[in-house]
Amino acid sequence: MYDFDYASPRSVREAVSLLERRGDDARVLSGGTDLIVQLREGRRKAGLVVDIKEIPEVNDLSYGPRQGLRLGAAVPCYKIYGNETVQKLYPGLIDAVSLVGGIQIQGRATVGGNLCNASPAADTIPPLIVLGAACVIAGPQGTRTVPVEDFCIAPGRTVLQRGEFLLSLRIPPPLKNSGAFYLRFIPRNEMDIAVVGAGASVVLGKRRTVFVSARVALGAVAPTPLFVREAGDALAEKPVSDESIQQAAEIARAAARPISDMRGTADHRRHLVGVLTRRALEGAIRRAKES
């Protein structure tokens, strides 16, 4: 580890000012479970680390029936899966948050940090996509909103510009007869980076026998987490059946652009996309019927 400056601003304006002044030389610290490791190993450089945890807005965890869930960028994982409202209304998010590292890591790691790290294999991003989450970004010109599916633009890169940082995430309130589910494949528990991850959300009709709409997202099979819009669109107005689910799974499989690496081959990943998409949809359907 090398020397760097440290700042702990108490307001959005102060954080933006620091980030704008130092530009690419500054890095934002939310939970730090990725950033500190990257700095220690020399994979990232920073002359200034800006710790945003003292800013009230980034610690907000609240829900309203109209606004939905507001999730500050610095809210740690354990507070999310320990929140009864989130457990009840957003089990698809709980699926992913409970997978981020071990218990010790979950005491520090944040969904906002996981998103800003922009790993193609990040566990929290596919469920955020299928839940229709939006990023609230603070910057020199005020705030702007970006859908989560558009936030990551390359491995380790996001849409954040000079002076900007992720302030919070907003997730719409769940619709009636809706459900979401996330799961991943790993060879063994000691390898906690997904070989493939799949998230799905569905909205069913009144009798819960027909799809009204659906969303599917994948992790670890493209340079960024992948929103497979066409897989969800293929389910609209279709009966809830094995045939419909399999069709969507095949569309997702065709959309995947995996590589081969030490954790799995491209062919293996393509096969897993079909299997996990089907299981994610089945899990989302089950939760929609129970809601």
C-alpha atoms as a PDB file:
ATOM      1  CA  MET A   1       0.000   0.000   0.000  1.00  0.00           C
ATOM      2  CA  TYR A   2       1.217   3.500  -0.791  1.00  0.00           C
ATOM      3  CA  ASP A   3       0.395   6.877   0.787  1.00  0.00           C
ATOM      4  CA  PHE A   4      -2.714   8.763  -0.284  1.00  0.00           C
ATOM      5  CA  ASP A   5      -4.805  11.639   1.051  1.00  0.00           C
ATOM      6  CA  TYR A   6      -8.056  10.898   2.867  1.00  0.00           C
ATOM      7  CA  ALA A   7     -11.183  13.031   3.158  1.00  0.00           C
ATOM      8  CA  SER A   8     -14.490  12.399   4.901  1.00  0.00           C
ATOM      9  CA  PRO A   9     -16.969  15.027   3.643  1.00  0.00           C
ATOM     10  CA  ARG A  10     -20.200  15.651   5.538  1.00  0.00           C
ATOM     11  CA  SER A  11     -22.303  16.886   2.631  1.00  0.00           C
ATOM     12  CA  VAL A  12     -22.987  16.110  -1.019  1.00  0.00           C
ATOM     13  CA  ARG A  13     -21.662  19.515  -2.039  1.00  0.00           C
ATOM     14  CA  GLU A  14     -18.375  18.989  -0.215  1.00  0.00           C
ATOM     15  CA  ALA A  15     -17.905  15.522  -1.765  1.00  0.00           C
ATOM     16  CA  VAL A  16     -18.633  16.812  -5.264  1.00  0.00           C
ATOM     17  CA  SER A  17     -16.183  19.684  -4.790  1.00  0.00           C
ATOM     18  CA  LEU A  18     -13.399  17.316  -3.750  1.00  0.00           C
ATOM     19  CA  LEU A  19     -14.074  14.907  -6.606  1.00  0.00           C
ATOM     20  CA  GLU A  20     -14.292  17.670  -9.185  1.00  0.00           C
ATOM     21  CA  ARG A  21     -11.065  19.283  -8.017  1.00  0.00           C
ATOM     22  CA  ARG A  22      -9.022  16.060  -7.979  1.00  0.00           C
ATOM     23  CA  GLY A  23     -10.615  14.340 -11.000  1.00  0.00           C
ATOM     24  CA  ASP A  24      -9.195  10.922 -11.905  1.00  0.00           C
ATOM     25  CA  ASP A  25      -6.811  11.167  -8.951  1.00  0.00           C
ATOM     26  CA  ALA A  26      -9.742  10.681  -6.523  1.00  0.00           C
ATOM     27  CA  ARG A  27     -11.596   7.499  -5.611  1.00  0.00           C
ATOM     28  CA  VAL A  28     -14.840   7.187  -3.676  1.00  0.00           C
ATOM     29  CA  LEU A  29     -14.950   4.858  -0.682  1.00  0.00           C
ATOM     30  CA  SER A  30     -18.379   3.494   0.164  1.00  0.00           C
ATOM     31  CA  GLY A  31     -17.791   0.171   1.899  1.00  0.00           C
ATOM     32  CA  GLY A  32     -14.193  -0.271   0.799  1.00  0.00           C
ATOM     33  CA  THR A  33     -14.199  -4.044   0.408  1.00  0.00           C
ATOM     34  CA  ASP A  34     -13.228  -3.716  -3.261  1.00  0.00           C
ATOM     35  CA  LEU A  35     -11.350  -0.412  -3.271  1.00  0.00           C
ATOM     36  CA  ILE A  36      -8.949  -1.126  -0.403  1.00  0.00           C
ATOM     37  CA  VAL A  37      -7.931  -4.466  -1.928  1.00  0.00           C
ATOM     38  CA  GLN A  38      -7.438  -2.865  -5.349  1.00  0.00           C
ATOM     39  CA  LEU A  39      -5.278  -0.084  -3.912  1.00  0.00           C
ATOM     40  CA  ARG A  40      -3.202  -2.538  -1.904  1.00  0.00           C
ATOM     41  CA  GLU A  41      -2.608  -4.741  -4.942  1.00  0.00           C
ATOM     42  CA  GLY A  42      -1.864  -1.813  -7.240  1.00  0.00           C
ATOM     43  CA  ARG A  43      -4.841  -2.490  -9.524  1.00  0.00           C
ATOM     44  CA  ARG A  44      -6.164   1.016  -8.897  1.00  0.00           C
ATOM     45  CA  LYS A  45      -4.376   4.257  -8.097  1.00  0.00           C
ATOM     46  CA  ALA A  46      -5.618   7.120  -5.938  1.00  0.00           C
ATOM     47  CA  GLY A  47      -4.052  10.290  -4.641  1.00  0.00           C
ATOM     48  CA  LEU A  48      -7.230  11.005  -2.661  1.00  0.00           C
ATOM     49  CA  VAL A  49      -9.763   8.612  -1.140  1.00  0.00           C
ATOM     50  CA  VAL A  50     -13.122  10.288  -0.484  1.00  0.00           C
ATOM     51  CA  ASP A  51     -15.051   8.441   2.228  1.00  0.00           C
ATOM     52  CA  ILE A  52     -18.734   9.273   1.705  1.00  0.00           C
ATOM     53  CA  LYS A  53     -20.143   7.398   4.704  1.00  0.00           C
ATOM     54  CA  GLU A  54     -20.642  10.584   6.777  1.00  0.00           C
ATOM     55  CA  ILE A  55     -23.070  12.029   4.201  1.00  0.00           C
ATOM     56  CA  PRO A  56     -26.663  11.505   5.476  1.00  0.00           C
ATOM     57  CA  GLU A  57     -28.204  10.828   2.051  1.00  0.00           C
ATOM     58  CA  VAL A  58     -25.956   7.844   1.328  1.00  0.00           C
ATOM     59  CA  ASN A  59     -27.116   6.122   4.522  1.00  0.00           C
ATOM     60  CA  ASP A  60     -30.827   6.339   3.738  1.00  0.00           C
ATOM     61  CA  LEU A  61     -32.749   3.062   3.774  1.00  0.00           C
ATOM     62  CA  SER A  62     -36.449   3.826   3.539  1.00  0.00           C
ATOM     63  CA  TYR A  63     -39.615   2.649   1.821  1.00  0.00           C
ATOM     64  CA  GLY A  64     -42.852   4.328   0.806  1.00  0.00           C
ATOM     65  CA  PRO A  65     -45.771   2.814  -1.127  1.00  0.00           C
ATOM     66  CA  ARG A  66     -45.456   5.532  -3.792  1.00  0.00           C
ATOM     67  CA  GLN A  67     -41.706   6.154  -3.929  1.00  0.00           C
ATOM     68  CA  GLY A  68     -40.640   2.543  -3.424  1.00  0.00           C
ATOM     69  CA  LEU A  69     -37.284   1.686  -1.857  1.00  0.00           C
ATOM     70  CA  ARG A  70     -34.590   4.298  -1.378  1.00  0.00           C
ATOM     71  CA  LEU A  71     -31.230   2.667  -0.857  1.00  0.00           C
ATOM     72  CA  GLY A  72     -28.294   4.923  -0.076  1.00  0.00           C
ATOM     73  CA  ALA A  73     -25.005   4.092  -1.739  1.00  0.00           C
ATOM     74  CA  ALA A  74     -23.271   3.458   1.610  1.00  0.00           C
ATOM     75  CA  VAL A  75     -25.898   1.240   3.275  1.00  0.00           C
ATOM     76  CA  PRO A  76     -24.089  -2.014   4.188  1.00  0.00           C
ATOM     77  CA  CYS A  77     -25.457  -5.383   3.113  1.00  0.00           C
ATOM     78  CA  TYR A  78     -26.315  -6.580   6.617  1.00  0.00           C
ATOM     79  CA  LYS A  79     -28.708  -3.659   7.123  1.00  0.00           C
ATOM     80  CA  ILE A  80     -30.481  -4.478   3.873  1.00  0.00           C
ATOM     81  CA  TYR A  81     -31.105  -8.173   4.502  1.00  0.00           C
ATOM     82  CA  GLY A  82     -31.903  -7.381   8.148  1.00  0.00           C
ATOM     83  CA  ASN A  83     -34.686  -4.963   7.143  1.00  0.00           C
ATOM     84  CA  GLU A  84     -38.119  -6.606   7.444  1.00  0.00           C
ATOM     85  CA  THR A  85     -39.684  -4.423   4.750  1.00  0.00           C
ATOM     86  CA  VAL A  86     -36.985  -5.314   2.233  1.00  0.00           C
ATOM     87  CA  GLN A  87     -37.265  -8.978   3.175  1.00  0.00           C
ATOM     88  CA  LYS A  88     -41.003  -8.925   2.529  1.00  0.00           C
ATOM     89  CA  LEU A  89     -41.183  -6.778  -0.599  1.00  0.00           C
ATOM     90  CA  TYR A  90     -37.842  -7.364  -2.330  1.00  0.00           C
ATOM     91  CA  PRO A  91     -36.774 -10.982  -1.767  1.00  0.00           C
ATOM     92  CA  GLY A  92     -35.004 -10.965  -5.145  1.00  0.00           C
ATOM     93  CA  LEU A  93     -32.655  -8.301  -3.802  1.00  0.00           C
ATOM     94  CA  ILE A  94     -32.128 -10.287  -0.598  1.00  0.00           C
ATOM     95  CA  ASP A  95     -31.107 -13.289  -2.741  1.00  0.00           C
ATOM     96  CA  ALA A  96     -28.119 -11.330  -4.015  1.00  0.00           C
ATOM     97  CA  VAL A  97     -27.202  -9.194  -0.995  1.00  0.00           C
ATOM     98  CA  SER A  98     -26.846 -12.280   1.192  1.00  0.00           C
ATOM     99  CA  LEU A  99     -24.312 -13.706  -1.306  1.00  0.00           C
ATOM    100  CA  VAL A 100     -21.855 -10.793  -1.241  1.00  0.00           C
ATOM    101  CA  GLY A 101     -18.790 -12.230   0.501  1.00  0.00           C
ATOM    102  CA  GLY A 102     -19.003 -13.674   4.001  1.00  0.00           C
ATOM    103  CA  ILE A 103     -20.529 -12.292   7.188  1.00  0.00           C
ATOM    104  CA  GLN A 104     -17.543 -10.048   7.895  1.00  0.00           C
ATOM    105  CA  ILE A 105     -17.602  -8.585   4.389  1.00  0.00           C
ATOM    106  CA  GLN A 106     -21.360  -7.966   4.587  1.00  0.00           C
ATOM    107  CA  GLY A 107     -20.762  -5.734   7.577  1.00  0.00           C
ATOM    108  CA  ARG A 108     -18.934  -3.283   5.308  1.00  0.00           C
ATOM    109  CA  ALA A 109     -19.821  -4.060   1.684  1.00  0.00           C
ATOM    110  CA  THR A 110     -22.524  -1.982   0.025  1.00  0.00           C
ATOM    111  CA  VAL A 111     -24.779  -2.498  -2.970  1.00  0.00           C
ATOM    112  CA  GLY A 112     -23.727   0.934  -4.214  1.00  0.00           C
ATOM    113  CA  GLY A 113     -20.067  -0.025  -4.034  1.00  0.00           C
ATOM    114  CA  ASN A 114     -20.732  -3.361  -5.729  1.00  0.00           C
ATOM    115  CA  LEU A 115     -22.435  -1.504  -8.572  1.00  0.00           C
ATOM    116  CA  CYS A 116     -19.704   1.133  -8.918  1.00  0.00           C
ATOM    117  CA  ASN A 117     -16.995  -1.539  -8.979  1.00  0.00           C
ATOM    118  CA  ALA A 118     -18.668  -2.548 -12.254  1.00  0.00           C
ATOM    119  CA  SER A 119     -17.613  -6.180 -12.252  1.00  0.00           C
ATOM    120  CA  PRO A 120     -19.366  -8.198 -14.984  1.00  0.00           C
ATOM    121  CA  ALA A 121     -19.904 -10.917 -12.335  1.00  0.00           C
ATOM    122  CA  ALA A 122     -21.329  -8.655  -9.603  1.00  0.00           C
ATOM    123  CA  ASP A 123     -24.155 -10.435  -7.806  1.00  0.00           C
ATOM    124  CA  THR A 124     -26.281  -7.390  -6.954  1.00  0.00           C
ATOM    125  CA  ILE A 125     -26.522  -5.875 -10.435  1.00  0.00           C
ATOM    126  CA  PRO A 126     -28.790  -8.422 -12.242  1.00  0.00           C
ATOM    127  CA  PRO A 127     -31.475  -8.232  -9.519  1.00  0.00           C
ATOM    128  CA  LEU A 128     -31.291  -4.432  -9.512  1.00  0.00           C
ATOM    129  CA  ILE A 129     -31.848  -4.499 -13.269  1.00  0.00           C
ATOM    130  CA  VAL A 130     -34.849  -6.826 -13.158  1.00  0.00           C
ATOM    131  CA  LEU A 131     -36.365  -4.789 -10.310  1.00  0.00           C
ATOM    132  CA  GLY A 132     -36.199  -1.680 -12.490  1.00  0.00           C
ATOM    133  CA  ALA A 133     -33.786   0.188 -10.211  1.00  0.00           C
ATOM    134  CA  ALA A 134     -32.406   3.619 -11.086  1.00  0.00           C
ATOM    135  CA  CYS A 135     -29.159   5.274  -9.999  1.00  0.00           C
ATOM    136  CA  VAL A 136     -29.309   8.758  -8.505  1.00  0.00           C
ATOM    137  CA  ILE A 137     -25.992  10.430  -9.334  1.00  0.00           C
ATOM    138  CA  ALA A 138     -24.762  13.606  -7.637  1.00  0.00           C
ATOM    139  CA  GLY A 139     -22.421  15.947  -9.475  1.00  0.00           C
ATOM    140  CA  PRO A 140     -21.443  19.544 -10.196  1.00  0.00           C
ATOM    141  CA  GLN A 141     -24.685  20.144 -12.117  1.00  0.00           C
ATOM    142  CA  GLY A 142     -26.929  18.677  -9.412  1.00  0.00           C
ATOM    143  CA  THR A 143     -28.392  15.186  -9.632  1.00  0.00           C
ATOM    144  CA  ARG A 144     -29.280  12.989 -12.569  1.00  0.00           C
ATOM    145  CA  THR A 145     -30.905   9.570 -12.850  1.00  0.00           C
ATOM    146  CA  VAL A 146     -29.660   6.621 -14.897  1.00  0.00           C
ATOM    147  CA  PRO A 147     -31.245   3.138 -15.175  1.00  0.00           C
ATOM    148  CA  VAL A 148     -29.020   0.496 -13.592  1.00  0.00           C
ATOM    149  CA  GLU A 149     -28.786  -1.400 -16.891  1.00  0.00           C
ATOM    150  CA  ASP A 150     -27.058   1.649 -18.440  1.00  0.00           C
ATOM    151  CA  PHE A 151     -24.706   2.404 -15.524  1.00  0.00           C
ATOM    152  CA  CYS A 152     -21.833   0.004 -16.300  1.00  0.00           C
ATOM    153  CA  ILE A 153     -20.155   0.618 -19.665  1.00  0.00           C
ATOM    154  CA  ALA A 154     -17.143  -1.740 -19.478  1.00  0.00           C
ATOM    155  CA  PRO A 155     -15.391  -3.927 -16.901  1.00  0.00           C
ATOM    156  CA  GLY A 156     -14.544  -1.576 -14.033  1.00  0.00           C
ATOM    157  CA  ARG A 157     -16.022   1.471 -15.818  1.00  0.00           C
ATOM    158  CA  THR A 158     -19.280   3.349 -15.279  1.00  0.00           C
ATOM    159  CA  VAL A 159     -21.084   6.417 -16.622  1.00  0.00           C
ATOM    160  CA  LEU A 160     -19.816   8.540 -13.702  1.00  0.00           C
ATOM    161  CA  GLN A 161     -18.124  11.730 -14.895  1.00  0.00           C
ATOM    162  CA  ARG A 162     -15.636  14.068 -13.203  1.00  0.00           C
ATOM    163  CA  GLY A 163     -17.015  15.271  -9.874  1.00  0.00           C
ATOM    164  CA  GLU A 164     -19.851  12.716  -9.782  1.00  0.00           C
ATOM    165  CA  PHE A 165     -20.603   9.892  -7.374  1.00  0.00           C
ATOM    166  CA  LEU A 166     -23.477   7.480  -6.801  1.00  0.00           C
ATOM    167  CA  LEU A 167     -25.785   8.952  -4.185  1.00  0.00           C
ATOM    168  CA  SER A 168     -28.510   6.302  -3.971  1.00  0.00           C
ATOM    169  CA  LEU A 169     -30.598   3.695  -5.731  1.00  0.00           C
ATOM    170  CA  ARG A 170     -34.350   3.889  -6.161  1.00  0.00           C
ATOM    171  CA  ILE A 171     -36.364   0.724  -6.694  1.00  0.00           C
ATOM    172  CA  PRO A 172     -40.057   1.010  -7.627  1.00  0.00           C
ATOM    173  CA  PRO A 173     -42.668  -0.509  -5.312  1.00  0.00           C
ATOM    174  CA  PRO A 174     -43.530  -4.089  -6.313  1.00  0.00           C
ATOM    175  CA  LEU A 175     -46.634  -4.515  -8.444  1.00  0.00           C
ATOM    176  CA  LYS A 176     -49.486  -6.818  -7.553  1.00  0.00           C
ATOM    177  CA  ASN A 177     -48.875 -10.453  -8.566  1.00  0.00           C
ATOM    178  CA  SER A 178     -45.178  -9.792  -9.080  1.00  0.00           C
ATOM    179  CA  GLY A 179     -42.070 -11.659  -7.986  1.00  0.00           C
ATOM    180  CA  ALA A 180     -38.313 -11.617  -8.498  1.00  0.00           C
ATOM    181  CA  PHE A 181     -35.531 -14.149  -8.020  1.00  0.00           C
ATOM    182  CA  TYR A 182     -31.739 -14.313  -8.342  1.00  0.00           C
ATOM    183  CA  LEU A 183     -29.326 -17.237  -8.301  1.00  0.00           C
ATOM    184  CA  ARG A 184     -25.798 -17.990  -9.431  1.00  0.00           C
ATOM    185  CA  PHE A 185     -23.546 -20.931 -10.173  1.00  0.00           C
ATOM    186  CA  ILE A 186     -20.206 -21.383  -8.426  1.00  0.00           C
ATOM    187  CA  PRO A 187     -18.101 -24.594  -8.507  1.00  0.00           C
ATOM    188  CA  ARG A 188     -17.694 -24.614  -4.736  1.00  0.00           C
ATOM    189  CA  ASN A 189     -18.450 -22.318  -1.823  1.00  0.00           C
ATOM    190  CA  GLU A 190     -14.825 -21.180  -1.559  1.00  0.00           C
ATOM    191  CA  MET A 191     -15.120 -19.571  -5.034  1.00  0.00           C
ATOM    192  CA  ASP A 192     -17.678 -16.870  -4.377  1.00  0.00           C
ATOM    193  CA  ILE A 193     -17.429 -15.141  -7.773  1.00  0.00           C
ATOM    194  CA  ALA A 194     -20.267 -16.179 -10.037  1.00  0.00           C
ATOM    195  CA  VAL A 195     -19.454 -18.275 -13.087  1.00  0.00           C
ATOM    196  CA  VAL A 196     -22.937 -17.245 -14.247  1.00  0.00           C
ATOM    197  CA  GLY A 197     -25.627 -15.272 -12.433  1.00  0.00           C
ATOM    198  CA  ALA A 198     -29.261 -14.913 -13.506  1.00  0.00           C
ATOM    199  CA  GLY A 199     -32.029 -12.666 -12.256  1.00  0.00           C
ATOM    200  CA  ALA A 200     -35.661 -12.531 -13.307  1.00  0.00           C
ATOM    201  CA  SER A 201     -38.794 -10.640 -12.388  1.00  0.00           C
ATOM    202  CA  VAL A 202     -42.348 -11.287 -13.534  1.00  0.00           C
ATOM    203  CA  VAL A 203     -45.775  -9.712 -13.288  1.00  0.00           C
ATOM    204  CA  LEU A 204     -48.667 -12.147 -13.678  1.00  0.00           C
ATOM    205  CA  GLY A 205     -52.309 -11.570 -14.577  1.00  0.00           C
ATOM    206  CA  LYS A 206     -55.194 -11.706 -12.106  1.00  0.00           C
ATOM    207  CA  ARG A 207     -55.505 -15.480 -12.308  1.00  0.00           C
ATOM    208  CA  ARG A 208     -51.722 -15.835 -12.317  1.00  0.00           C
ATOM    209  CA  THR A 209     -51.800 -18.012 -15.424  1.00  0.00           C
ATOM    210  CA  VAL A 210     -50.522 -15.446 -17.943  1.00  0.00           C
ATOM    211  CA  PHE A 211     -47.443 -13.228 -18.010  1.00  0.00           C
ATOM    212  CA  VAL A 212     -48.159  -9.509 -18.074  1.00  0.00           C
ATOM    213  CA  SER A 213     -44.468  -8.619 -18.269  1.00  0.00           C
ATOM    214  CA  ALA A 214     -41.035  -9.939 -17.334  1.00  0.00           C
ATOM    215  CA  ARG A 215     -37.390  -8.874 -17.125  1.00  0.00           C
ATOM    216  CA  VAL A 216     -34.251 -11.026 -17.329  1.00  0.00           C
ATOM    217  CA  ALA A 217     -30.652 -10.041 -16.528  1.00  0.00           C
ATOM    218  CA  LEU A 218     -27.403 -12.000 -16.520  1.00  0.00           C
ATOM    219  CA  GLY A 219     -24.012 -11.718 -14.852  1.00  0.00           C
ATOM    220  CA  ALA A 220     -20.534 -12.971 -15.842  1.00  0.00           C
ATOM    221  CA  VAL A 221     -21.429 -13.617 -19.494  1.00  0.00           C
ATOM    222  CA  ALA A 222     -20.631 -10.266 -21.123  1.00  0.00           C
ATOM    223  CA  PRO A 223     -18.301  -7.283 -20.555  1.00  0.00           C
ATOM    224  CA  THR A 224     -21.029  -5.747 -18.382  1.00  0.00           C
ATOM    225  CA  PRO A 225     -24.049  -7.192 -16.544  1.00  0.00           C
ATOM    226  CA  LEU A 226     -26.501  -7.947 -19.327  1.00  0.00           C
ATOM    227  CA  PHE A 227     -30.144  -6.871 -19.516  1.00  0.00           C
ATOM    228  CA  VAL A 228     -31.825  -9.326 -21.919  1.00  0.00           C
ATOM    229  CA  ARG A 229     -34.876  -7.252 -22.739  1.00  0.00           C
ATOM    230  CA  GLU A 230     -36.016  -9.550 -25.543  1.00  0.00           C
ATOM    231  CA  ALA A 231     -36.243 -12.553 -23.200  1.00  0.00           C
ATOM    232  CA  GLY A 232     -38.711 -10.738 -20.968  1.00  0.00           C
ATOM    233  CA  ASP A 233     -40.624  -9.285 -23.912  1.00  0.00           C
ATOM    234  CA  ALA A 234     -41.077 -12.792 -25.334  1.00  0.00           C
ATOM    235  CA  LEU A 235     -43.084 -13.748 -22.246  1.00  0.00           C
ATOM    236  CA  ALA A 236     -45.601 -10.889 -22.381  1.00  0.00           C
ATOM    237  CA  GLU A 237     -49.162 -12.169 -22.834  1.00  0.00           C
ATOM    238  CA  LYS A 238     -47.891 -15.757 -22.949  1.00  0.00           C
ATOM    239  CA  PRO A 239     -49.285 -18.506 -20.677  1.00  0.00           C
ATOM    240  CA  VAL A 240     -47.274 -19.421 -17.608  1.00  0.00           C
ATOM    241  CA  SER A 241     -45.950 -22.714 -18.904  1.00  0.00           C
ATOM    242  CA  ASP A 242     -42.750 -24.708 -19.270  1.00  0.00           C
ATOM    243  CA  GLU A 243     -42.752 -23.957 -22.992  1.00  0.00           C
ATOM    244  CA  SER A 244     -42.892 -20.187 -22.478  1.00  0.00           C
ATOM    245  CA  ILE A 245     -40.168 -20.297 -19.843  1.00  0.00           C
ATOM    246  CA  GLN A 246     -37.920 -22.445 -22.026  1.00  0.00           C
ATOM    247  CA  GLN A 247     -38.343 -20.058 -24.953  1.00  0.00           C
ATOM    248  CA  ALA A 248     -37.205 -17.131 -22.801  1.00  0.00           C
ATOM    249  CA  ALA A 249     -34.290 -19.182 -21.487  1.00  0.00           C
ATOM    250  CA  GLU A 250     -33.150 -19.932 -25.038  1.00  0.00           C
ATOM    251  CA  ILE A 251     -33.320 -16.253 -25.956  1.00  0.00           C
ATOM    252  CA  ALA A 252     -31.175 -15.417 -22.922  1.00  0.00           C
ATOM    253  CA  ARG A 253     -28.723 -18.155 -23.856  1.00  0.00           C
ATOM    254  CA  ALA A 254     -28.378 -16.745 -27.365  1.00  0.00           C
ATOM    255  CA  ALA A 255     -27.807 -13.234 -26.017  1.00  0.00           C
ATOM    256  CA  ALA A 256     -24.900 -14.246 -23.755  1.00  0.00           C
ATOM    257  CA  ARG A 257     -21.378 -13.324 -24.865  1.00  0.00           C
ATOM    258  CA  PRO A 258     -19.185 -15.280 -22.421  1.00  0.00           C
ATOM    259  CA  ILE A 259     -15.450 -15.865 -22.438  1.00  0.00           C
ATOM    260  CA  SER A 260     -13.409 -18.794 -21.219  1.00  0.00           C
ATOM    261  CA  ASP A 261     -11.299 -18.227 -18.118  1.00  0.00           C
ATOM    262  CA  MET A 262     -10.072 -20.071 -15.027  1.00  0.00           C
ATOM    263  CA  ARG A 263     -13.615 -20.265 -13.638  1.00  0.00           C
ATOM    264  CA  GLY A 264     -15.341 -21.763 -16.668  1.00  0.00           C
ATOM    265  CA  THR A 265     -15.425 -22.158 -20.426  1.00  0.00           C
ATOM    266  CA  ALA A 266     -17.601 -20.110 -22.734  1.00  0.00           C
ATOM    267  CA  ASP A 267     -19.599 -23.208 -23.744  1.00  0.00           C
ATOM    268  CA  HIS A 268     -20.204 -24.139 -20.111  1.00  0.00           C
ATOM    269  CA  ARG A 269     -21.381 -20.613 -19.364  1.00  0.00           C
ATOM    270  CA  ARG A 270     -23.801 -20.629 -22.299  1.00  0.00           C
ATOM    271  CA  HIS A 271     -25.312 -23.876 -21.061  1.00  0.00           C
ATOM    272  CA  LEU A 272     -25.611 -22.446 -17.541  1.00  0.00           C
ATOM    273  CA  VAL A 273     -27.385 -19.341 -18.836  1.00  0.00           C
ATOM    274  CA  GLY A 274     -30.227 -21.480 -20.151  1.00  0.00           C
ATOM    275  CA  VAL A 275     -30.470 -23.520 -16.943  1.00  0.00           C
ATOM    276  CA  LEU A 276     -30.237 -20.574 -14.536  1.00  0.00           C
ATOM    277  CA  THR A 277     -32.594 -18.326 -16.511  1.00  0.00           C
ATOM    278  CA  ARG A 278     -35.221 -21.047 -16.391  1.00  0.00           C
ATOM    279  CA  ARG A 279     -34.726 -21.522 -12.652  1.00  0.00           C
ATOM    280  CA  ALA A 280     -34.762 -17.764 -12.002  1.00  0.00           C
ATOM    281  CA  LEU A 281     -38.055 -17.413 -13.877  1.00  0.00           C
ATOM    282  CA  GLU A 282     -39.529 -20.371 -12.016  1.00  0.00           C
ATOM    283  CA  GLY A 283     -38.480 -18.808  -8.713  1.00  0.00           C
ATOM    284  CA  ALA A 284     -39.944 -15.429  -9.674  1.00  0.00           C
ATOM    285  CA  ILE A 285     -43.219 -17.082 -10.732  1.00  0.00           C
ATOM    286  CA  ARG A 286     -43.430 -18.946  -7.459  1.00  0.00           C
ATOM    287  CA  ARG A 287     -42.990 -15.749  -5.481  1.00  0.00           C
ATOM    288  CA  ALA A 288     -45.548 -13.935  -7.647  1.00  0.00           C
ATOM    289  CA  LYS A 289     -48.116 -16.626  -6.922  1.00  0.00           C
ATOM    290  CA  GLU A 290     -47.351 -16.393  -3.195  1.00  0.00           C
ATOM    291  CA  SER A 291     -47.487 -12.583  -3.060  1.00  0.00           C
END
